[in-house]
Structures are given as C-alpha cells and as structure tokens.
C-alpha cells in the first residue's frame, strides 16, 4: 500500500512538472508572437518565474502592445519591474 502511494506521488509530481513546462512554452510562444523574438536575457528571466508569476504574465501579455515593424519590449520590461517591487498585475 505504501509503495503505491509513493508511485502515485511520483506520477502526480511528474504530471505537474509537464503541465508547468507546457504552460511556460505557451506563454513564450504568445510573447514571441506579440513582441517578436525575445533576447536570451528575457528568456532566462522567464524561466525563473514561479507558476503564479507565469500565469500573471500570461494575462498581462494580452495588454502588451504589438509592434509588427519593430521589436518592442517596453511592456515586458515594465511587467518585470512590477515583480521587483512586489506589485501584482491584475
């Protein structure tokens, strides 16, 4: 019985990790589509976001300005700035 519980917990943790990876990949695709290719520095920073921060970024990016002729990261920089001061984006 105890072994089944351990296996269940391992499978559950693996599933949660896969779900978070898929969500992170989706947010990255959406960001790229909205603002263009992201510099490695921003990609690295996004990789460090918690799941809650990642979900908040996913909602915030809907308000980001698309710049089809020029790369513009101002909205993303502003959003990252809110993390530094502890302001929650809603």
Protein backbone atom coordinates (compact mmCIF):
# COMPACT_ATOMS: atom_id res chain seq x y z
CA UNK A 1 0.00 0.00 0.00
CA UNK A 2 2.81 2.40 0.92
CA UNK A 3 4.65 1.68 -2.37
CA UNK A 4 1.52 2.53 -4.39
CA UNK A 5 1.29 5.87 -2.59
CA UNK A 6 4.92 6.69 -3.43
CA UNK A 7 4.40 5.78 -7.08
CA UNK A 8 1.22 7.87 -7.19
CA UNK A 9 3.07 10.87 -5.74
CA UNK A 10 5.87 10.47 -8.30
CA UNK A 11 3.41 10.28 -11.19
CA UNK A 12 1.49 13.28 -9.86
CA UNK A 13 4.67 15.36 -9.49
CA UNK A 14 5.77 14.43 -13.00
CA UNK A 15 2.39 15.43 -14.40
CA UNK A 16 2.51 18.78 -12.62
CA UNK A 17 6.01 19.43 -13.95
CA UNK A 18 4.93 18.61 -17.51
CA UNK A 19 1.92 20.90 -17.17
CA UNK A 20 4.10 23.77 -15.99
CA UNK A 21 6.52 23.19 -18.88
CA UNK A 22 3.65 23.28 -21.37
CA UNK A 23 2.28 26.47 -19.84
CA UNK A 24 5.72 28.10 -19.94
CA UNK A 25 6.12 27.10 -23.61
CA UNK A 26 2.68 28.52 -24.45
CA UNK A 27 3.42 31.84 -22.74
CA UNK A 28 6.74 32.06 -24.59
CA UNK A 29 5.05 31.42 -27.94
CA UNK A 30 2.42 34.05 -27.19
CA UNK A 31 5.04 36.59 -26.12
CA UNK A 32 7.08 35.96 -29.25
CA UNK A 33 4.04 36.42 -31.40
CA UNK A 34 3.09 39.65 -29.61
CA UNK A 35 6.50 41.39 -29.32
CA UNK A 36 8.86 39.41 -31.56
CA UNK A 37 11.89 37.31 -30.73
CA UNK A 38 12.95 37.74 -27.13
CA UNK A 39 16.57 38.28 -26.11
CA UNK A 40 18.19 35.43 -24.17
CA UNK A 41 18.26 37.61 -21.04
CA UNK A 42 14.45 37.82 -21.04
CA UNK A 43 14.06 34.13 -21.84
CA UNK A 44 16.31 33.29 -18.89
CA UNK A 45 14.29 35.52 -16.61
CA UNK A 46 11.01 33.95 -17.72
CA UNK A 47 12.46 30.52 -16.93
CA UNK A 48 12.85 31.60 -13.28
CA UNK A 49 9.22 32.70 -12.83
CA UNK A 50 7.02 30.78 -10.43
CA UNK A 51 3.84 29.22 -11.78
CA UNK A 52 1.74 32.05 -10.32
CA UNK A 53 4.02 34.70 -11.87
CA UNK A 54 3.91 32.86 -15.18
CA UNK A 55 0.10 32.83 -15.10
CA UNK A 56 0.10 36.56 -14.29
CA UNK A 57 2.43 37.21 -17.22
CA UNK A 58 0.10 35.22 -19.48
CA UNK A 59 -2.77 37.52 -18.53
CA UNK A 60 -0.68 40.71 -18.71
CA UNK A 61 0.64 39.97 -22.19
CA UNK A 62 -2.87 40.39 -23.54
CA UNK A 63 -2.44 44.11 -22.89
CA UNK A 64 1.06 44.36 -24.39
CA UNK A 65 1.34 46.50 -27.49
CA UNK A 66 2.19 44.58 -30.65
CA UNK A 67 4.90 46.21 -32.72
CA UNK A 68 4.88 44.45 -36.10
CA UNK A 69 7.63 46.62 -37.63
CA UNK A 70 9.96 46.98 -34.66
CA UNK A 71 10.89 44.90 -31.66
CA UNK A 72 9.47 46.46 -28.51
CA UNK A 73 10.00 45.02 -25.06
CA UNK A 74 8.80 48.02 -23.04
CA UNK A 75 5.65 46.29 -21.78
CA UNK A 76 7.58 43.19 -20.75
CA UNK A 77 10.25 45.30 -19.03
CA UNK A 78 7.51 47.19 -17.19
CA UNK A 79 5.90 43.91 -16.13
CA UNK A 80 9.23 42.58 -14.86
CA UNK A 81 9.64 45.84 -12.94
CA UNK A 82 6.45 45.12 -11.03
CA UNK A 83 7.97 41.85 -9.83
CA UNK A 84 10.95 43.73 -8.41
CA UNK A 85 8.77 45.99 -6.29
CA UNK A 86 6.18 43.36 -5.40
CA UNK A 87 3.27 44.84 -7.32
CA UNK A 88 0.79 42.26 -8.55
CA UNK A 89 -0.50 42.61 -12.11
CA UNK A 90 -4.25 42.01 -12.42
